[in-house]
C-alpha atoms as a PDB file:
ATOM      1  CA  MET A   1     298.300 284.708 -68.623  1.00  0.00           C
ATOM      2  CA  ARG A   2     294.835 286.049 -69.146  1.00  0.00           C
ATOM      3  CA  LYS A   3     292.519 286.365 -66.137  1.00  0.00           C
ATOM      4  CA  ARG A   4     289.109 284.764 -66.590  1.00  0.00           C
ATOM      5  CA  ARG A   5     286.214 287.053 -65.876  1.00  0.00           C
ATOM      6  CA  GLY A   6     283.296 285.772 -63.760  1.00  0.00           C
ATOM      7  CA  ARG A   7     279.650 286.554 -64.442  1.00  0.00           C
ATOM      8  CA  GLN A   8     278.713 290.145 -64.125  1.00  0.00           C
ATOM      9  CA  ASP A   9     275.807 291.196 -61.877  1.00  0.00           C
ATOM     10  CA  ASN A  10     274.126 292.634 -64.933  1.00  0.00           C
ATOM     11  CA  ASP A  11     274.278 289.378 -66.892  1.00  0.00           C
ATOM     12  CA  PRO A  12     270.868 289.034 -68.663  1.00  0.00           C
ATOM     13  CA  VAL A  13     270.360 285.437 -67.482  1.00  0.00           C
ATOM     14  CA  VAL A  14     270.918 286.389 -63.821  1.00  0.00           C
ATOM     15  CA  LEU A  15     268.591 289.388 -64.162  1.00  0.00           C
ATOM     16  CA  LEU A  16     265.874 287.288 -65.802  1.00  0.00           C
ATOM     17  CA  LEU A  17     266.099 284.602 -63.094  1.00  0.00           C
ATOM     18  CA  SER A  18     265.945 287.267 -60.388  1.00  0.00           C
ATOM     19  CA  VAL A  19     262.812 288.813 -61.889  1.00  0.00           C
ATOM     20  CA  VAL A  20     261.135 285.399 -62.248  1.00  0.00           C
ATOM     21  CA  LEU A  21     261.955 284.563 -58.625  1.00  0.00           C
ATOM     22  CA  VAL A  22     260.583 287.876 -57.318  1.00  0.00           C
ATOM     23  CA  VAL A  23     257.360 287.483 -59.338  1.00  0.00           C
ATOM     24  CA  ALA A  24     256.917 283.862 -58.197  1.00  0.00           C
ATOM     25  CA  VAL A  25     257.352 284.792 -54.528  1.00  0.00           C
ATOM     26  CA  GLY A  26     254.960 287.733 -54.897  1.00  0.00           C
ATOM     27  CA  LEU A  27     252.273 285.612 -56.536  1.00  0.00           C
ATOM     28  CA  THR A  28     252.683 282.873 -53.913  1.00  0.00           C
ATOM     29  CA  VAL A  29     252.233 285.357 -51.072  1.00  0.00           C
ATOM     30  CA  PHE A  30     249.264 287.043 -52.768  1.00  0.00           C
ATOM     31  CA  PHE A  31     247.372 283.846 -53.613  1.00  0.00           C
ATOM     32  CA  TRP A  32     248.354 281.690 -50.608  1.00  0.00           C
ATOM     33  CA  PRO A  33     245.206 280.529 -48.736  1.00  0.00           C
ATOM     34  CA  SER A  34     244.506 282.430 -45.552  1.00  0.00           C
ATOM     35  CA  SER A  35     244.519 280.435 -42.296  1.00  0.00           C
ATOM     36  CA  SER A  36     241.443 282.304 -41.120  1.00  0.00           C
ATOM     37  CA  MET A  37     238.175 282.005 -42.952  1.00  0.00           C
ATOM     38  CA  SER A  38     237.502 285.650 -43.554  1.00  0.00           C
ATOM     39  CA  ASN A  39     234.378 285.427 -45.649  1.00  0.00           C
ATOM     40  CA  ASP A  40     232.096 288.381 -46.046  1.00  0.00           C
ATOM     41  CA  ARG A  41     228.921 287.074 -44.460  1.00  0.00           C
ATOM     42  CA  GLN A  42     226.723 289.936 -45.547  1.00  0.00           C
ATOM     43  CA  GLY A  43     224.252 289.260 -48.315  1.00  0.00           C
ATOM     44  CA  SER A  44     225.112 285.926 -49.856  1.00  0.00           C
ATOM     45  CA  PHE A  45     226.572 283.707 -47.178  1.00  0.00           C
ATOM     46  CA  ALA A  46     229.498 281.672 -48.507  1.00  0.00           C
ATOM     47  CA  SER A  47     228.343 278.223 -47.483  1.00  0.00           C
ATOM     48  CA  ASP A  48     230.398 275.093 -47.380  1.00  0.00           C
ATOM     49  CA  PHE A  49     227.374 272.819 -46.933  1.00  0.00           C
ATOM     50  CA  SER A  50     223.642 272.634 -46.299  1.00  0.00           C
ATOM     51  CA  CYS A  51     222.093 270.930 -43.300  1.00  0.00           C
ATOM     52  CA  ARG A  52     218.475 269.834 -43.122  1.00  0.00           C
ATOM     53  CA  VAL A  53     218.008 269.875 -39.336  1.00  0.00           C
ATOM     54  CA  SER A  54     216.600 266.621 -37.980  1.00  0.00           C
ATOM     55  CA  SER A  55     217.116 267.191 -34.245  1.00  0.00           C
ATOM     56  CA  ILE A  56     218.483 269.539 -31.605  1.00  0.00           C
ATOM     57  CA  THR A  57     220.878 267.924 -29.116  1.00  0.00           C
ATOM     58  CA  ASP A  58     221.356 270.848 -26.731  1.00  0.00           C
ATOM     59  CA  GLY A  59     221.925 274.607 -26.777  1.00  0.00           C
ATOM     60  CA  ASP A  60     224.948 274.486 -29.082  1.00  0.00           C
ATOM     61  CA  THR A  61     224.660 271.191 -30.995  1.00  0.00           C
ATOM     62  CA  LEU A  62     222.270 269.902 -33.635  1.00  0.00           C
ATOM     63  CA  ARG A  63     222.042 266.978 -36.065  1.00  0.00           C
ATOM     64  CA  CYS A  64     221.428 267.085 -39.806  1.00  0.00           C
ATOM     65  CA  ALA A  65     219.240 264.608 -41.686  1.00  0.00           C
ATOM     66  CA  ASP A  66     222.383 263.064 -43.235  1.00  0.00           C
ATOM     67  CA  GLY A  67     223.731 262.292 -39.730  1.00  0.00           C
ATOM     68  CA  THR A  68     226.222 265.164 -39.530  1.00  0.00           C
ATOM     69  CA  ARG A  69     226.491 266.623 -36.041  1.00  0.00           C
ATOM     70  CA  ILE A  70     227.094 270.381 -35.904  1.00  0.00           C
ATOM     71  CA  ARG A  71     228.572 272.239 -32.937  1.00  0.00           C
ATOM     72  CA  LEU A  72     227.889 275.975 -33.228  1.00  0.00           C
ATOM     73  CA  HIS A  73     231.239 277.737 -33.629  1.00  0.00           C
ATOM     74  CA  ALA A  74     232.359 280.177 -30.890  1.00  0.00           C
ATOM     75  CA  VAL A  75     229.218 279.611 -28.803  1.00  0.00           C
ATOM     76  CA  ALA A  76     229.059 278.140 -25.294  1.00  0.00           C
ATOM     77  CA  ALA A  77     225.890 276.809 -23.663  1.00  0.00           C
ATOM     78  CA  ARG A  78     225.370 274.977 -20.396  1.00  0.00           C
ATOM     79  CA  GLU A  79     225.486 271.180 -20.560  1.00  0.00           C
ATOM     80  CA  SER A  80     222.169 269.305 -20.417  1.00  0.00           C
ATOM     81  CA  ASP A  81     222.757 268.625 -16.691  1.00  0.00           C
ATOM     82  CA  GLU A  82     223.034 272.436 -16.155  1.00  0.00           C
ATOM     83  CA  THR A  83     226.798 272.335 -15.502  1.00  0.00           C
ATOM     84  CA  CYS A  84     229.617 274.075 -17.321  1.00  0.00           C
ATOM     85  CA  SER A  85     232.799 272.199 -18.130  1.00  0.00           C
ATOM     86  CA  PRO A  86     235.977 273.477 -16.439  1.00  0.00           C
ATOM     87  CA  GLY A  87     237.716 276.101 -18.551  1.00  0.00           C
ATOM     88  CA  HIS A  88     234.630 276.744 -20.702  1.00  0.00           C
ATOM     89  CA  PRO A  89     232.663 280.000 -20.608  1.00  0.00           C
ATOM     90  CA  CYS A  90     229.462 279.574 -18.616  1.00  0.00           C
ATOM     91  CA  PRO A  91     226.258 281.448 -19.466  1.00  0.00           C
ATOM     92  CA  SER A  92     223.798 282.271 -16.703  1.00  0.00           C
ATOM     93  CA  ALA A  93     220.854 280.938 -18.742  1.00  0.00           C
ATOM     94  CA  SER A  94     219.709 277.352 -18.277  1.00  0.00           C
ATOM     95  CA  ALA A  95     220.524 274.527 -20.649  1.00  0.00           C
ATOM     96  CA  ALA A  96     216.802 274.074 -21.267  1.00  0.00           C
ATOM     97  CA  SER A  97     216.350 277.677 -22.375  1.00  0.00           C
ATOM     98  CA  ALA A  98     219.319 277.435 -24.770  1.00  0.00           C
ATOM     99  CA  THR A  99     217.986 274.188 -26.242  1.00  0.00           C
ATOM    100  CA  ALA A 100     214.540 275.759 -26.672  1.00  0.00           C
ATOM    101  CA  LYS A 101     216.012 278.811 -28.426  1.00  0.00           C
ATOM    102  CA  LEU A 102     218.102 276.701 -30.804  1.00  0.00           C
ATOM    103  CA  SER A 103     214.991 274.626 -31.550  1.00  0.00           C
ATOM    104  CA  GLU A 104     213.069 277.810 -32.349  1.00  0.00           C
ATOM    105  CA  LEU A 105     215.808 279.006 -34.727  1.00  0.00           C
ATOM    106  CA  ALA A 106     216.605 275.747 -36.504  1.00  0.00           C
ATOM    107  CA  THR A 107     214.111 272.883 -36.145  1.00  0.00           C
ATOM    108  CA  GLY A 108     212.892 271.581 -39.510  1.00  0.00           C
ATOM    109  CA  GLN A 109     214.911 274.118 -41.509  1.00  0.00           C
ATOM    110  CA  THR A 110     217.677 273.784 -44.054  1.00  0.00           C
ATOM    111  CA  LEU A 111     220.691 275.697 -42.789  1.00  0.00           C
ATOM    112  CA  GLN A 112     223.548 277.087 -44.865  1.00  0.00           C
ATOM    113  CA  CYS A 113     226.740 276.491 -42.902  1.00  0.00           C
ATOM    114  CA  GLN A 114     230.384 277.491 -43.094  1.00  0.00           C
ATOM    115  CA  LYS A 115     232.652 274.846 -41.591  1.00  0.00           C
ATOM    116  CA  THR A 116     235.227 276.235 -39.160  1.00  0.00           C
ATOM    117  CA  GLY A 117     236.689 272.983 -37.824  1.00  0.00           C
ATOM    118  CA  THR A 118     235.840 269.870 -35.820  1.00  0.00           C
ATOM    119  CA  SER A 119     235.241 269.095 -32.150  1.00  0.00           C
ATOM    120  CA  TYR A 120     234.576 265.657 -30.645  1.00  0.00           C
ATOM    121  CA  LYS A 121     233.423 264.086 -33.958  1.00  0.00           C
ATOM    122  CA  ARG A 122     231.245 267.113 -34.714  1.00  0.00           C
ATOM    123  CA  VAL A 123     231.652 269.733 -37.413  1.00  0.00           C
ATOM    124  CA  THR A 124     232.022 273.207 -35.945  1.00  0.00           C
ATOM    125  CA  ALA A 125     230.246 275.754 -38.094  1.00  0.00           C
ATOM    126  CA  ILE A 126     228.614 279.145 -38.441  1.00  0.00           C
ATOM    127  CA  CYS A 127     225.092 278.595 -39.769  1.00  0.00           C
ATOM    128  CA  ARG A 128     222.258 280.687 -41.157  1.00  0.00           C
ATOM    129  CA  ASN A 129     218.657 279.575 -41.147  1.00  0.00           C
ATOM    130  CA  GLU A 130     216.104 280.008 -43.931  1.00  0.00           C
ATOM    131  CA  ALA A 131     215.359 283.571 -42.750  1.00  0.00           C
ATOM    132  CA  HIS A 132     219.112 284.330 -43.235  1.00  0.00           C
ATOM    133  CA  VAL A 133     219.635 284.726 -39.468  1.00  0.00           C
ATOM    134  CA  GLU A 134     223.112 283.774 -38.269  1.00  0.00           C
ATOM    135  CA  ILE A 135     222.130 281.234 -35.627  1.00  0.00           C
ATOM    136  CA  ASN A 136     225.407 281.450 -33.687  1.00  0.00           C
ATOM    137  CA  CYS A 137     224.953 285.175 -33.167  1.00  0.00           C
ATOM    138  CA  ALA A 138     221.218 284.905 -32.487  1.00  0.00           C
ATOM    139  CA  MET A 139     221.930 282.399 -29.714  1.00  0.00           C
ATOM    140  CA  VAL A 140     224.369 284.790 -28.041  1.00  0.00           C
ATOM    141  CA  ARG A 141     222.071 287.790 -28.475  1.00  0.00           C
ATOM    142  CA  SER A 142     219.194 285.823 -26.925  1.00  0.00           C
ATOM    143  CA  GLY A 143     221.223 285.527 -23.708  1.00  0.00           C
ATOM    144  CA  THR A 144     220.944 281.733 -23.673  1.00  0.00           C
ATOM    145  CA  THR A 145     224.596 281.248 -24.705  1.00  0.00           C
ATOM    146  CA  VAL A 146     227.800 283.273 -24.545  1.00  0.00           C
ATOM    147  CA  ILE A 147     230.585 283.925 -27.022  1.00  0.00           C
ATOM    148  CA  TRP A 148     233.634 281.713 -26.541  1.00  0.00           C
ATOM    149  CA  PRO A 149     236.449 284.259 -27.038  1.00  0.00           C
ATOM    150  CA  LYS A 150     239.120 281.648 -27.812  1.00  0.00           C
ATOM    151  CA  PHE A 151     237.252 280.485 -30.928  1.00  0.00           C
ATOM    152  CA  ASN A 152     235.593 283.786 -31.798  1.00  0.00           C
ATOM    153  CA  GLY A 153     239.069 285.293 -32.191  1.00  0.00           C
ATOM    154  CA  GLN A 154     239.862 282.725 -34.888  1.00  0.00           C
ATOM    155  CA  THR A 155     236.675 283.221 -36.934  1.00  0.00           C
ATOM    156  CA  PRO A 156     234.340 285.870 -35.501  1.00  0.00           C
ATOM    157  CA  ILE A 157     230.586 285.470 -35.326  1.00  0.00           C
ATOM    158  CA  CYS A 158     228.030 288.325 -35.302  1.00  0.00           C
ATOM    159  CA  ARG A 159     229.789 290.218 -38.095  1.00  0.00           C
ATOM    160  CA  SER A 160     226.749 290.962 -40.220  1.00  0.00           C
ATOM    161  CA  GLU A 161     224.021 291.059 -37.634  1.00  0.00           C
END
């Protein structure tokens, strides 16, 4: 009785399928979207949306003319009543000074913003004003707000300033 031979490891069909599989996995890994938004914010800011600022709510929140509320990403300001929520970073500057600084940087301007997430029915974003100033970073550098490390670690601010 003749013994039947199984497929050899060097069978052309097996080799071809192996190569296709390796290439497919490699391309998937290479082109898979990154979980962090690592955009180069120097020069042309990669913006997800524009916001024509209609009002400033407080030191880290503003409203666009279309009704969108924006919470500045990775920035913490005092609440309007001068308190800081438990577990949140707390700047030494007053809420009024942070609100005034954000007003100076954004009132009446069209911002270019990169969405980073959502928080309490607000879009969290990193925004630049018409002078190409990254507002999130400018607020921290002014001393009226502080960086919130938990969120800054996910998508850093102040990278091109």
